[in-house]
Amino acid sequence: MKKHWKDEPDEHDYPAAFDYLTLIAPDAVAAGLVRELKEAELTRRKAKDILRASKLRLLPEDNAHVEKDLEKVKDGKALSPVLLVRGHGHPGFETADDLVVADGYHRVCASYHLDENTDIPCKLI
């Protein structure tokens, strides 16, 4: 399968992650997490493992956003890596020990539909 991932997240992914994180953590904590994400090294994880660890359900291929990402890949466009936060180990971050997909849920689902075992580039803190 042709490579369908960029080497770095798009710049607009970080404000999107901040917006999501402020729903589950105070603004100052979310801002700190985004700073950590920007500095984190890229790692790779499988779509099936990201979904399992985050306890998110797999969205269907006909979900509008998943469909859009699948179409991008079909057109030869690369997807942005996902931004992940472990739910523990961050002061003020009041979540369970689950993995939080701060940005990229639809991209994870699209990648799962392409091949659940493909390694997805992600920034993980």
PDB file of N, CA and C in Angstrom:
ATOM      1  N   MET A   1       0.845  -1.187   0.000  1.00  0.00           N
ATOM      2  CA  MET A   1       0.000   0.000   0.000  1.00  0.00           C
ATOM      3  C   MET A   1       0.886   1.244   0.000  1.00  0.00           C
ATOM      4  N   LYS A   2       0.522   2.167  -0.809  1.00  0.00           N
ATOM      5  CA  LYS A   2       1.265   3.417  -0.898  1.00  0.00           C
ATOM      6  C   LYS A   2       1.196   4.164   0.438  1.00  0.00           C
ATOM      7  N   LYS A   3       2.296   4.816   0.783  1.00  0.00           N
ATOM      8  CA  LYS A   3       2.335   5.588   2.019  1.00  0.00           C
ATOM      9  C   LYS A   3       1.229   6.647   1.996  1.00  0.00           C
ATOM     10  N   HIS A   4       0.450   6.689   3.066  1.00  0.00           N
ATOM     11  CA  HIS A   4      -0.631   7.666   3.101  1.00  0.00           C
ATOM     12  C   HIS A   4      -0.619   8.509   4.378  1.00  0.00           C
ATOM     13  N   TRP A   5       0.575   8.713   4.928  1.00  0.00           N
ATOM     14  CA  TRP A   5       0.723   9.535   6.132  1.00  0.00           C
ATOM     15  C   TRP A   5       1.810  10.572   5.936  1.00  0.00           C
ATOM     16  N   LYS A   6       1.575  11.757   6.443  1.00  0.00           N
ATOM     17  CA  LYS A   6       2.579  12.812   6.464  1.00  0.00           C
ATOM     18  C   LYS A   6       3.578  12.506   7.582  1.00  0.00           C
ATOM     19  N   ASP A   7       4.709  13.187   7.530  1.00  0.00           N
ATOM     20  CA  ASP A   7       5.732  12.989   8.545  1.00  0.00           C
ATOM     21  C   ASP A   7       5.518  13.844   9.792  1.00  0.00           C
ATOM     22  N   GLU A   8       4.694  14.866   9.679  1.00  0.00           N
ATOM     23  CA  GLU A   8       4.403  15.763  10.814  1.00  0.00           C
ATOM     24  C   GLU A   8       2.931  16.161  10.781  1.00  0.00           C
ATOM     25  N   PRO A   9       2.341  16.395  11.958  1.00  0.00           N
ATOM     26  CA  PRO A   9       0.954  16.867  11.984  1.00  0.00           C
ATOM     27  C   PRO A   9       0.813  18.227  11.310  1.00  0.00           C
ATOM     28  N   ASP A  10      -0.362  18.475  10.774  1.00  0.00           N
ATOM     29  CA  ASP A  10      -0.665  19.796  10.228  1.00  0.00           C
ATOM     30  C   ASP A  10      -0.742  20.791  11.380  1.00  0.00           C
ATOM     31  N   GLU A  11      -0.369  22.018  11.121  1.00  0.00           N
ATOM     32  CA  GLU A  11      -0.356  23.028  12.184  1.00  0.00           C
ATOM     33  C   GLU A  11      -1.741  23.229  12.796  1.00  0.00           C
ATOM     34  N   HIS A  12      -2.792  23.114  11.997  1.00  0.00           N
ATOM     35  CA  HIS A  12      -4.147  23.317  12.529  1.00  0.00           C
ATOM     36  C   HIS A  12      -4.615  22.174  13.434  1.00  0.00           C
ATOM     37  N   ASP A  13      -3.871  21.062  13.462  1.00  0.00           N
ATOM     38  CA  ASP A  13      -4.242  19.951  14.336  1.00  0.00           C
ATOM     39  C   ASP A  13      -4.054  20.308  15.817  1.00  0.00           C
ATOM     40  N   TYR A  14      -3.081  21.152  16.099  1.00  0.00           N
ATOM     41  CA  TYR A  14      -2.814  21.508  17.499  1.00  0.00           C
ATOM     42  C   TYR A  14      -3.933  22.359  18.111  1.00  0.00           C
ATOM     43  N   PRO A  15      -4.446  23.395  17.427  1.00  0.00           N
ATOM     44  CA  PRO A  15      -5.602  24.107  17.983  1.00  0.00           C
ATOM     45  C   PRO A  15      -6.836  23.200  18.105  1.00  0.00           C
ATOM     46  N   ALA A  16      -6.992  22.271  17.171  1.00  0.00           N
ATOM     47  CA  ALA A  16      -8.112  21.330  17.257  1.00  0.00           C
ATOM     48  C   ALA A  16      -7.962  20.445  18.497  1.00  0.00           C
ATOM     49  N   ALA A  17      -6.743  20.000  18.760  1.00  0.00           N
ATOM     50  CA  ALA A  17      -6.488  19.195  19.965  1.00  0.00           C
ATOM     51  C   ALA A  17      -6.768  20.025  21.215  1.00  0.00           C
ATOM     52  N   PHE A  18      -6.341  21.268  21.210  1.00  0.00           N
ATOM     53  CA  PHE A  18      -6.594  22.152  22.352  1.00  0.00           C
ATOM     54  C   PHE A  18      -8.101  22.295  22.596  1.00  0.00           C
ATOM     55  N   ASP A  19      -8.857  22.532  21.533  1.00  0.00           N
ATOM     56  CA  ASP A  19     -10.306  22.680  21.671  1.00  0.00           C
ATOM     57  C   ASP A  19     -10.922  21.444  22.314  1.00  0.00           C
ATOM     58  N   TYR A  20     -10.502  20.272  21.867  1.00  0.00           N
ATOM     59  CA  TYR A  20     -11.040  19.040  22.440  1.00  0.00           C
ATOM     60  C   TYR A  20     -10.597  18.871  23.888  1.00  0.00           C
ATOM     61  N   LEU A  21      -9.317  19.065  24.126  1.00  0.00           N
ATOM     62  CA  LEU A  21      -8.790  18.848  25.481  1.00  0.00           C
ATOM     63  C   LEU A  21      -9.404  19.781  26.513  1.00  0.00           C
ATOM     64  N   THR A  22      -9.814  20.992  26.091  1.00  0.00           N
ATOM     65  CA  THR A  22     -10.438  21.914  27.048  1.00  0.00           C
ATOM     66  C   THR A  22     -11.828  21.441  27.474  1.00  0.00           C
ATOM     67  N   LEU A  23     -12.366  20.454  26.787  1.00  0.00           N
ATOM     68  CA  LEU A  23     -13.632  19.867  27.217  1.00  0.00           C
ATOM     69  C   LEU A  23     -13.445  18.903  28.382  1.00  0.00           C
ATOM     70  N   ILE A  24     -12.230  18.392  28.562  1.00  0.00           N
ATOM     71  CA  ILE A  24     -11.990  17.397  29.603  1.00  0.00           C
ATOM     72  C   ILE A  24     -10.909  17.814  30.603  1.00  0.00           C
ATOM     73  N   ALA A  25     -10.343  18.993  30.399  1.00  0.00           N
ATOM     74  CA  ALA A  25      -9.311  19.500  31.306  1.00  0.00           C
ATOM     75  C   ALA A  25      -9.372  21.026  31.310  1.00  0.00           C
ATOM     76  N   PRO A  26      -8.883  21.654  32.382  1.00  0.00           N
ATOM     77  CA  PRO A  26      -8.823  23.117  32.398  1.00  0.00           C
ATOM     78  C   PRO A  26      -7.959  23.656  31.255  1.00  0.00           C
ATOM     79  N   ASP A  27      -8.229  24.874  30.825  1.00  0.00           N
ATOM     80  CA  ASP A  27      -7.510  25.493  29.701  1.00  0.00           C
ATOM     81  C   ASP A  27      -5.995  25.435  29.879  1.00  0.00           C
ATOM     82  N   ALA A  28      -5.518  25.755  31.083  1.00  0.00           N
ATOM     83  CA  ALA A  28      -4.065  25.787  31.320  1.00  0.00           C
ATOM     84  C   ALA A  28      -3.459  24.397  31.158  1.00  0.00           C
ATOM     85  N   VAL A  29      -4.164  23.381  31.612  1.00  0.00           N
ATOM     86  CA  VAL A  29      -3.677  22.005  31.467  1.00  0.00           C
ATOM     87  C   VAL A  29      -3.677  21.615  29.988  1.00  0.00           C
ATOM     88  N   ALA A  30      -4.763  21.947  29.281  1.00  0.00           N
ATOM     89  CA  ALA A  30      -4.848  21.638  27.848  1.00  0.00           C
ATOM     90  C   ALA A  30      -3.716  22.324  27.081  1.00  0.00           C
ATOM     91  N   ALA A  31      -3.438  23.574  27.424  1.00  0.00           N
ATOM     92  CA  ALA A  31      -2.354  24.304  26.752  1.00  0.00           C
ATOM     93  C   ALA A  31      -1.009  23.616  26.998  1.00  0.00           C
ATOM     94  N   GLY A  32      -0.787  23.151  28.204  1.00  0.00           N
ATOM     95  CA  GLY A  32       0.455  22.438  28.521  1.00  0.00           C
ATOM     96  C   GLY A  32       0.565  21.125  27.761  1.00  0.00           C
ATOM     97  N   LEU A  33      -0.542  20.417  27.647  1.00  0.00           N
ATOM     98  CA  LEU A  33      -0.539  19.160  26.900  1.00  0.00           C
ATOM     99  C   LEU A  33      -0.227  19.403  25.423  1.00  0.00           C
ATOM    100  N   VAL A  34      -0.797  20.457  24.854  1.00  0.00           N
ATOM    101  CA  VAL A  34      -0.529  20.774  23.446  1.00  0.00           C
ATOM    102  C   VAL A  34       0.946  21.136  23.259  1.00  0.00           C
ATOM    103  N   ARG A  35       1.519  21.874  24.206  1.00  0.00           N
ATOM    104  CA  ARG A  35       2.956  22.175  24.119  1.00  0.00           C
ATOM    105  C   ARG A  35       3.772  20.882  24.118  1.00  0.00           C
ATOM    106  N   GLU A  36       3.398  19.947  24.981  1.00  0.00           N
ATOM    107  CA  GLU A  36       4.097  18.656  25.027  1.00  0.00           C
ATOM    108  C   GLU A  36       3.931  17.893  23.709  1.00  0.00           C
ATOM    109  N   LEU A  37       2.731  17.930  23.159  1.00  0.00           N
ATOM    110  CA  LEU A  37       2.492  17.253  21.879  1.00  0.00           C
ATOM    111  C   LEU A  37       3.357  17.825  20.770  1.00  0.00           C
ATOM    112  N   LYS A  38       3.489  19.140  20.743  1.00  0.00           N
ATOM    113  CA  LYS A  38       4.322  19.773  19.708  1.00  0.00           C
ATOM    114  C   LYS A  38       5.768  19.319  19.802  1.00  0.00           C
ATOM    115  N   GLU A  39       6.244  19.068  21.020  1.00  0.00           N
ATOM    116  CA  GLU A  39       7.642  18.684  21.230  1.00  0.00           C
ATOM    117  C   GLU A  39       7.868  17.183  21.150  1.00  0.00           C
ATOM    118  N   ALA A  40       6.805  16.402  21.206  1.00  0.00           N
ATOM    119  CA  ALA A  40       6.931  14.941  21.232  1.00  0.00           C
ATOM    120  C   ALA A  40       7.496  14.401  19.922  1.00  0.00           C
ATOM    121  N   GLU A  41       8.241  13.327  20.056  1.00  0.00           N
ATOM    122  CA  GLU A  41       8.762  12.623  18.884  1.00  0.00           C
ATOM    123  C   GLU A  41       7.629  11.831  18.238  1.00  0.00           C
ATOM    124  N   LEU A  42       7.735  11.631  16.953  1.00  0.00           N
ATOM    125  CA  LEU A  42       6.770  10.821  16.235  1.00  0.00           C
ATOM    126  C   LEU A  42       7.011   9.350  16.564  1.00  0.00           C
ATOM    127  N   THR A  43       5.944   8.630  16.843  1.00  0.00           N
ATOM    128  CA  THR A  43       6.007   7.198  17.068  1.00  0.00           C
ATOM    129  C   THR A  43       4.945   6.556  16.191  1.00  0.00           C
ATOM    130  N   ARG A  44       4.840   5.262  16.211  1.00  0.00           N
ATOM    131  CA  ARG A  44       3.842   4.591  15.366  1.00  0.00           C
ATOM    132  C   ARG A  44       3.083   3.562  16.193  1.00  0.00           C
ATOM    133  N   ARG A  45       1.779   3.529  15.962  1.00  0.00           N
ATOM    134  CA  ARG A  45       0.905   2.571  16.625  1.00  0.00           C
ATOM    135  C   ARG A  45      -0.144   2.088  15.625  1.00  0.00           C
ATOM    136  N   LYS A  46      -0.657   0.896  15.838  1.00  0.00           N
ATOM    137  CA  LYS A  46      -1.665   0.327  14.949  1.00  0.00           C
ATOM    138  C   LYS A  46      -3.052   0.897  15.257  1.00  0.00           C
ATOM    139  N   ALA A  47      -3.860   1.064  14.212  1.00  0.00           N
ATOM    140  CA  ALA A  47      -5.209   1.607  14.360  1.00  0.00           C
ATOM    141  C   ALA A  47      -6.019   0.789  15.357  1.00  0.00           C
ATOM    142  N   LYS A  48      -5.952  -0.531  15.261  1.00  0.00           N
ATOM    143  CA  LYS A  48      -6.737  -1.380  16.153  1.00  0.00           C
ATOM    144  C   LYS A  48      -6.344  -1.174  17.612  1.00  0.00           C
ATOM    145  N   ASP A  49      -5.062  -0.920  17.866  1.00  0.00           N
ATOM    146  CA  ASP A  49      -4.610  -0.708  19.241  1.00  0.00           C
ATOM    147  C   ASP A  49      -5.012   0.667  19.764  1.00  0.00           C
ATOM    148  N   ILE A  50      -4.973   1.674  18.895  1.00  0.00           N
ATOM    149  CA  ILE A  50      -5.400   3.022  19.301  1.00  0.00           C
ATOM    150  C   ILE A  50      -6.876   3.000  19.673  1.00  0.00           C
ATOM    151  N   LEU A  51      -7.690   2.349  18.869  1.00  0.00           N
ATOM    152  CA  LEU A  51      -9.124   2.280  19.168  1.00  0.00           C
ATOM    153  C   LEU A  51      -9.376   1.512  20.456  1.00  0.00           C
ATOM    154  N   ARG A  52      -8.674   0.409  20.649  1.00  0.00           N
ATOM    155  CA  ARG A  52      -8.853  -0.382  21.879  1.00  0.00           C
ATOM    156  C   ARG A  52      -8.449   0.397  23.114  1.00  0.00           C
ATOM    157  N   ALA A  53      -7.284   1.031  23.072  1.00  0.00           N
ATOM    158  CA  ALA A  53      -6.776   1.757  24.239  1.00  0.00           C
ATOM    159  C   ALA A  53      -7.625   2.981  24.563  1.00  0.00           C
ATOM    160  N   SER A  54      -8.177   3.606  23.535  1.00  0.00           N
ATOM    161  CA  SER A  54      -8.988   4.806  23.751  1.00  0.00           C
ATOM    162  C   SER A  54     -10.442   4.464  24.078  1.00  0.00           C
ATOM    163  N   LYS A  55     -10.800   3.204  23.852  1.00  0.00           N
ATOM    164  CA  LYS A  55     -12.176   2.730  24.057  1.00  0.00           C
ATOM    165  C   LYS A  55     -13.178   3.460  23.157  1.00  0.00           C
ATOM    166  N   LEU A  56     -12.685   3.940  22.013  1.00  0.00           N
ATOM    167  CA  LEU A  56     -13.554   4.564  21.022  1.00  0.00           C
ATOM    168  C   LEU A  56     -14.059   3.492  20.062  1.00  0.00           C
ATOM    169  N   ARG A  57     -15.245   3.687  19.563  1.00  0.00           N
ATOM    170  CA  ARG A  57     -15.789   2.725  18.606  1.00  0.00           C
ATOM    171  C   ARG A  57     -15.283   3.072  17.208  1.00  0.00           C
ATOM    172  N   LEU A  58     -15.216   2.073  16.384  1.00  0.00           N
ATOM    173  CA  LEU A  58     -14.833   2.267  14.988  1.00  0.00           C
ATOM    174  C   LEU A  58     -15.994   2.916  14.253  1.00  0.00           C
ATOM    175  N   LEU A  59     -15.739   4.063  13.668  1.00  0.00           N
ATOM    176  CA  LEU A  59     -16.761   4.726  12.862  1.00  0.00           C
ATOM    177  C   LEU A  59     -16.855   4.027  11.509  1.00  0.00           C
ATOM    178  N   PRO A  60     -18.062   3.952  10.925  1.00  0.00           N
ATOM    179  CA  PRO A  60     -18.216   3.257   9.640  1.00  0.00           C
ATOM    180  C   PRO A  60     -17.572   4.024   8.484  1.00  0.00           C
ATOM    181  N   GLU A  61     -17.304   3.301   7.429  1.00  0.00           N
ATOM    182  CA  GLU A  61     -16.696   3.906   6.239  1.00  0.00           C
ATOM    183  C   GLU A  61     -17.553   5.009   5.653  1.00  0.00           C
ATOM    184  N   ASP A  62     -18.873   4.954   5.872  1.00  0.00           N
ATOM    185  CA  ASP A  62     -19.748   5.975   5.302  1.00  0.00           C
ATOM    186  C   ASP A  62     -19.947   7.185   6.218  1.00  0.00           C
ATOM    187  N   ASN A  63     -19.247   7.231   7.340  1.00  0.00           N
ATOM    188  CA  ASN A  63     -19.232   8.454   8.149  1.00  0.00           C
ATOM    189  C   ASN A  63     -18.619   9.546   7.276  1.00  0.00           C
ATOM    190  N   ALA A  64     -19.211  10.718   7.258  1.00  0.00           N
ATOM    191  CA  ALA A  64     -18.771  11.784   6.342  1.00  0.00           C
ATOM    192  C   ALA A  64     -17.290  12.107   6.473  1.00  0.00           C
ATOM    193  N   HIS A  65     -16.781  12.169   7.694  1.00  0.00           N
ATOM    194  CA  HIS A  65     -15.368  12.540   7.890  1.00  0.00           C
ATOM    195  C   HIS A  65     -14.430  11.380   7.551  1.00  0.00           C
ATOM    196  N   VAL A  66     -14.835  10.167   7.906  1.00  0.00           N
ATOM    197  CA  VAL A  66     -14.034   8.988   7.555  1.00  0.00           C
ATOM    198  C   VAL A  66     -14.000   8.840   6.036  1.00  0.00           C
ATOM    199  N   GLU A  67     -15.152   8.993   5.422  1.00  0.00           N
ATOM    200  CA  GLU A  67     -15.251   8.901   3.966  1.00  0.00           C
ATOM    201  C   GLU A  67     -14.339   9.931   3.288  1.00  0.00           C
ATOM    202  N   LYS A  68     -14.310  11.135   3.829  1.00  0.00           N
ATOM    203  CA  LYS A  68     -13.455  12.198   3.281  1.00  0.00           C
ATOM    204  C   LYS A  68     -11.978  11.811   3.376  1.00  0.00           C
ATOM    205  N   ASP A  69     -11.573  11.233   4.524  1.00  0.00           N
ATOM    206  CA  ASP A  69     -10.179  10.811   4.677  1.00  0.00           C
ATOM    207  C   ASP A  69      -9.848   9.636   3.762  1.00  0.00           C
ATOM    208  N   LEU A  70     -10.773   8.704   3.598  1.00  0.00           N
ATOM    209  CA  LEU A  70     -10.549   7.591   2.672  1.00  0.00           C
ATOM    210  C   LEU A  70     -10.400   8.094   1.243  1.00  0.00           C
ATOM    211  N   GLU A  71     -11.188   9.091   0.891  1.00  0.00           N
ATOM    212  CA  GLU A  71     -11.103   9.687  -0.447  1.00  0.00           C
ATOM    213  C   GLU A  71      -9.752  10.376  -0.643  1.00  0.00           C
ATOM    214  N   LYS A  72      -9.261  11.059   0.385  1.00  0.00           N
ATOM    215  CA  LYS A  72      -7.937  11.696   0.298  1.00  0.00           C
ATOM    216  C   LYS A  72      -6.872  10.652  -0.028  1.00  0.00           C
ATOM    217  N   VAL A  73      -6.902   9.535   0.698  1.00  0.00           N
ATOM    218  CA  VAL A  73      -5.916   8.480   0.472  1.00  0.00           C
ATOM    219  C   VAL A  73      -6.052   7.935  -0.947  1.00  0.00           C
ATOM    220  N   LYS A  74      -7.268   7.707  -1.381  1.00  0.00           N
ATOM    221  CA  LYS A  74      -7.509   7.209  -2.740  1.00  0.00           C
ATOM    222  C   LYS A  74      -6.943   8.166  -3.787  1.00  0.00           C
ATOM    223  N   ASP A  75      -7.020   9.473  -3.489  1.00  0.00           N
ATOM    224  CA  ASP A  75      -6.505  10.496  -4.408  1.00  0.00           C
ATOM    225  C   ASP A  75      -4.996  10.726  -4.259  1.00  0.00           C
ATOM    226  N   GLY A  76      -4.352   9.932  -3.400  1.00  0.00           N
ATOM    227  CA  GLY A  76      -2.905  10.043  -3.230  1.00  0.00           C
ATOM    228  C   GLY A  76      -2.462  11.117  -2.250  1.00  0.00           C
ATOM    229  N   LYS A  77      -3.393  11.664  -1.488  1.00  0.00           N
ATOM    230  CA  LYS A  77      -3.049  12.692  -0.497  1.00  0.00           C
ATOM    231  C   LYS A  77      -2.741  12.029   0.833  1.00  0.00           C
ATOM    232  N   ALA A  78      -1.737  12.558   1.526  1.00  0.00           N
ATOM    233  CA  ALA A  78      -1.320  11.997   2.804  1.00  0.00           C
ATOM    234  C   ALA A  78      -2.134  12.591   3.961  1.00  0.00           C
ATOM    235  N   LEU A  79      -2.393  11.762   4.954  1.00  0.00           N
ATOM    236  CA  LEU A  79      -3.117  12.183   6.153  1.00  0.00           C
ATOM    237  C   LEU A  79      -2.133  12.658   7.214  1.00  0.00           C
ATOM    238  N   SER A  80      -2.618  13.521   8.069  1.00  0.00           N
ATOM    239  CA  SER A  80      -1.809  14.063   9.157  1.00  0.00           C
ATOM    240  C   SER A  80      -1.719  13.050  10.298  1.00  0.00           C
ATOM    241  N   PRO A  81      -0.545  12.894  10.928  1.00  0.00           N
ATOM    242  CA  PRO A  81      -0.440  12.013  12.100  1.00  0.00           C
ATOM    243  C   PRO A  81      -1.424  12.417  13.195  1.00  0.00           C
ATOM    244  N   VAL A  82      -1.746  11.475  14.058  1.00  0.00           N
ATOM    245  CA  VAL A  82      -2.713  11.734  15.122  1.00  0.00           C
ATOM    246  C   VAL A  82      -2.006  12.173  16.405  1.00  0.00           C
ATOM    247  N   LEU A  83      -2.753  12.868  17.248  1.00  0.00           N
ATOM    248  CA  LEU A  83      -2.233  13.396  18.513  1.00  0.00           C
ATOM    249  C   LEU A  83      -2.896  12.652  19.658  1.00  0.00           C
ATOM    250  N   LEU A  84      -2.096  11.978  20.480  1.00  0.00           N
ATOM    251  CA  LEU A  84      -2.595  11.108  21.537  1.00  0.00           C
ATOM    252  C   LEU A  84      -2.050  11.519  22.898  1.00  0.00           C
ATOM    253  N   VAL A  85      -2.907  11.411  23.914  1.00  0.00           N
ATOM    254  CA  VAL A  85      -2.516  11.724  25.288  1.00  0.00           C
ATOM    255  C   VAL A  85      -2.917  10.550  26.168  1.00  0.00           C
ATOM    256  N   ARG A  86      -1.937  10.032  26.901  1.00  0.00           N
ATOM    257  CA  ARG A  86      -2.273   9.009  27.884  1.00  0.00           C
ATOM    258  C   ARG A  86      -3.037   9.695  29.008  1.00  0.00           C
ATOM    259  N   GLY A  87      -4.088   9.064  29.482  1.00  0.00           N
ATOM    260  CA  GLY A  87      -4.953   9.672  30.480  1.00  0.00           C
ATOM    261  C   GLY A  87      -4.378   9.746  31.870  1.00  0.00           C
ATOM    262  N   HIS A  88      -3.190   9.264  32.065  1.00  0.00           N
ATOM    263  CA  HIS A  88      -2.589   9.319  33.391  1.00  0.00           C
ATOM    264  C   HIS A  88      -1.224   9.996  33.308  1.00  0.00           C
ATOM    265  N   GLY A  89      -0.752  10.435  34.421  1.00  0.00           N
ATOM    266  CA  GLY A  89       0.585  11.009  34.458  1.00  0.00           C
ATOM    267  C   GLY A  89       0.659  12.484  34.131  1.00  0.00           C
ATOM    268  N   HIS A  90      -0.468  13.139  33.944  1.00  0.00           N
ATOM    269  CA  HIS A  90      -0.476  14.573  33.665  1.00  0.00           C
ATOM    270  C   HIS A  90      -1.275  15.276  34.751  1.00  0.00           C
ATOM    271  N   PRO A  91      -0.618  16.031  35.623  1.00  0.00           N
ATOM    272  CA  PRO A  91      -1.330  16.722  36.707  1.00  0.00           C
ATOM    273  C   PRO A  91      -2.470  17.592  36.171  1.00  0.00           C
ATOM    274  N   GLY A  92      -3.622  17.487  36.792  1.00  0.00           N
ATOM    275  CA  GLY A  92      -4.764  18.286  36.400  1.00  0.00           C
ATOM    276  C   GLY A  92      -5.567  17.703  35.260  1.00  0.00           C
ATOM    277  N   PHE A  93      -5.115  16.591  34.733  1.00  0.00           N
ATOM    278  CA  PHE A  93      -5.817  15.954  33.614  1.00  0.00           C
ATOM    279  C   PHE A  93      -6.709  14.875  34.200  1.00  0.00           C
ATOM    280  N   GLU A  94      -7.964  15.203  34.374  1.00  0.00           N
ATOM    281  CA  GLU A  94      -8.904  14.345  35.108  1.00  0.00           C
ATOM    282  C   GLU A  94      -9.608  13.364  34.181  1.00  0.00           C
ATOM    283  N   THR A  95      -8.898  12.332  33.749  1.00  0.00           N
ATOM    284  CA  THR A  95      -9.528  11.280  32.954  1.00  0.00           C
ATOM    285  C   THR A  95      -9.150   9.943  33.568  1.00  0.00           C
ATOM    286  N   ALA A  96      -9.755   8.915  33.056  1.00  0.00           N
ATOM    287  CA  ALA A  96      -9.364   7.571  33.467  1.00  0.00           C
ATOM    288  C   ALA A  96      -7.992   7.275  32.864  1.00  0.00           C
ATOM    289  N   ASP A  97      -7.557   6.060  33.001  1.00  0.00           N
ATOM    290  CA  ASP A  97      -6.260   5.678  32.445  1.00  0.00           C
ATOM    291  C   ASP A  97      -6.325   5.418  30.945  1.00  0.00           C
ATOM    292  N   ASP A  98      -7.452   5.748  30.332  1.00  0.00           N
ATOM    293  CA  ASP A  98      -7.626   5.527  28.900  1.00  0.00           C
ATOM    294  C   ASP A  98      -6.739   6.455  28.078  1.00  0.00           C
ATOM    295  N   LEU A  99      -6.511   6.041  26.875  1.00  0.00           N
ATOM    296  CA  LEU A  99      -5.830   6.884  25.900  1.00  0.00           C
ATOM    297  C   LEU A  99      -6.837   7.887  25.354  1.00  0.00           C
ATOM    298  N   VAL A 100      -6.427   9.134  25.203  1.00  0.00           N
ATOM    299  CA  VAL A 100      -7.285  10.177  24.651  1.00  0.00           C
ATOM    300  C   VAL A 100      -6.777  10.526  23.256  1.00  0.00           C
ATOM    301  N   VAL A 101      -7.650  10.431  22.262  1.00  0.00           N
ATOM    302  CA  VAL A 101      -7.317  10.867  20.915  1.00  0.00           C
ATOM    303  C   VAL A 101      -7.651  12.357  20.874  1.00  0.00           C
ATOM    304  N   ALA A 102      -6.625  13.179  21.041  1.00  0.00           N
ATOM    305  CA  ALA A 102      -6.828  14.630  21.081  1.00  0.00           C
ATOM    306  C   ALA A 102      -7.151  15.174  19.697  1.00  0.00           C
ATOM    307  N   ASP A 103      -6.608  14.566  18.668  1.00  0.00           N
ATOM    308  CA  ASP A 103      -6.938  14.938  17.293  1.00  0.00           C
ATOM    309  C   ASP A 103      -6.610  13.756  16.391  1.00  0.00           C
ATOM    310  N   GLY A 104      -7.550  13.418  15.499  1.00  0.00           N
ATOM    311  CA  GLY A 104      -7.284  12.390  14.510  1.00  0.00           C
ATOM    312  C   GLY A 104      -8.166  11.154  14.582  1.00  0.00           C
ATOM    313  N   TYR A 105      -9.257  11.204  15.348  1.00  0.00           N
ATOM    314  CA  TYR A 105     -10.151  10.051  15.487  1.00  0.00           C
ATOM    315  C   TYR A 105     -10.633   9.540  14.127  1.00  0.00           C
ATOM    316  N   HIS A 106     -11.066  10.441  13.264  1.00  0.00           N
ATOM    317  CA  HIS A 106     -11.568  10.027  11.954  1.00  0.00           C
ATOM    318  C   HIS A 106     -10.453   9.426  11.098  1.00  0.00           C
ATOM    319  N   ARG A 107      -9.250   9.957  11.236  1.00  0.00           N
ATOM    320  CA  ARG A 107      -8.113   9.425  10.475  1.00  0.00           C
ATOM    321  C   ARG A 107      -7.759   8.014  10.957  1.00  0.00           C
ATOM    322  N   VAL A 108      -7.855   7.786  12.267  1.00  0.00           N
ATOM    323  CA  VAL A 108      -7.608   6.442  12.810  1.00  0.00           C
ATOM    324  C   VAL A 108      -8.630   5.464  12.230  1.00  0.00           C
ATOM    325  N   CYS A 109      -9.888   5.858  12.217  1.00  0.00           N
ATOM    326  CA  CYS A 109     -10.944   4.989  11.688  1.00  0.00           C
ATOM    327  C   CYS A 109     -10.738   4.723  10.197  1.00  0.00           C
ATOM    328  N   ALA A 110     -10.392   5.746   9.446  1.00  0.00           N
ATOM    329  CA  ALA A 110     -10.136   5.566   8.014  1.00  0.00           C
ATOM    330  C   ALA A 110      -8.986   4.583   7.807  1.00  0.00           C
ATOM    331  N   SER A 111      -7.924   4.743   8.572  1.00  0.00           N
ATOM    332  CA  SER A 111      -6.774   3.858   8.442  1.00  0.00           C
ATOM    333  C   SER A 111      -7.145   2.416   8.811  1.00  0.00           C
ATOM    334  N   TYR A 112      -7.974   2.260   9.829  1.00  0.00           N
ATOM    335  CA  TYR A 112      -8.440   0.926  10.221  1.00  0.00           C
ATOM    336  C   TYR A 112      -9.155   0.258   9.047  1.00  0.00           C
ATOM    337  N   HIS A 113     -10.006   1.006   8.367  1.00  0.00           N
ATOM    338  CA  HIS A 113     -10.737   0.443   7.231  1.00  0.00           C
ATOM    339  C   HIS A 113      -9.801   0.068   6.082  1.00  0.00           C
ATOM    340  N   LEU A 114      -8.694   0.779   5.947  1.00  0.00           N
ATOM    341  CA  LEU A 114      -7.717   0.445   4.909  1.00  0.00           C
ATOM    342  C   LEU A 114      -6.920  -0.799   5.296  1.00  0.00           C
ATOM    343  N   ASP A 115      -6.467  -0.849   6.540  1.00  0.00           N
ATOM    344  CA  ASP A 115      -5.717  -1.990   7.071  1.00  0.00           C
ATOM    345  C   ASP A 115      -5.488  -1.758   8.555  1.00  0.00           C
ATOM    346  N   GLU A 116      -6.173  -2.499   9.384  1.00  0.00           N
ATOM    347  CA  GLU A 116      -6.101  -2.290  10.835  1.00  0.00           C
ATOM    348  C   GLU A 116      -4.702  -2.486  11.407  1.00  0.00           C
ATOM    349  N   ASN A 117      -3.824  -3.153  10.658  1.00  0.00           N
ATOM    350  CA  ASN A 117      -2.469  -3.426  11.140  1.00  0.00           C
ATOM    351  C   ASN A 117      -1.422  -2.433  10.646  1.00  0.00           C
ATOM    352  N   THR A 118      -1.839  -1.473   9.834  1.00  0.00           N
ATOM    353  CA  THR A 118      -0.890  -0.466   9.371  1.00  0.00           C
ATOM    354  C   THR A 118      -0.490   0.431  10.533  1.00  0.00           C
ATOM    355  N   ASP A 119       0.785   0.719  10.628  1.00  0.00           N
ATOM    356  CA  ASP A 119       1.269   1.617  11.677  1.00  0.00           C
ATOM    357  C   ASP A 119       0.896   3.060  11.328  1.00  0.00           C
ATOM    358  N   ILE A 120       0.270   3.717  12.284  1.00  0.00           N
ATOM    359  CA  ILE A 120      -0.133   5.108  12.139  1.00  0.00           C
ATOM    360  C   ILE A 120       0.889   5.989  12.850  1.00  0.00           C
ATOM    361  N   PRO A 121       1.443   6.986  12.181  1.00  0.00           N
ATOM    362  CA  PRO A 121       2.334   7.896  12.873  1.00  0.00           C
ATOM    363  C   PRO A 121       1.519   8.758  13.855  1.00  0.00           C
ATOM    364  N   CYS A 122       2.063   8.926  15.029  1.00  0.00           N
ATOM    365  CA  CYS A 122       1.357   9.723  16.036  1.00  0.00           C
ATOM    366  C   CYS A 122       2.356  10.361  16.985  1.00  0.00           C
ATOM    367  N   LYS A 123       1.889  11.415  17.613  1.00  0.00           N
ATOM    368  CA  LYS A 123       2.610  12.036  18.709  1.00  0.00           C
ATOM    369  C   LYS A 123       1.894  11.577  19.960  1.00  0.00           C
ATOM    370  N   LEU A 124       2.615  10.959  20.867  1.00  0.00           N
ATOM    371  CA  LEU A 124       2.041  10.334  22.050  1.00  0.00           C
ATOM    372  C   LEU A 124       2.733  10.865  23.291  1.00  0.00           C
ATOM    373  N   ILE A 125       1.946  11.441  24.184  1.00  0.00           N
ATOM    374  CA  ILE A 125       2.495  11.899  25.463  1.00  0.00           C
ATOM    375  C   ILE A 125       1.738  11.241  26.595  1.00  0.00           C
TER     376      ILE A 125
END
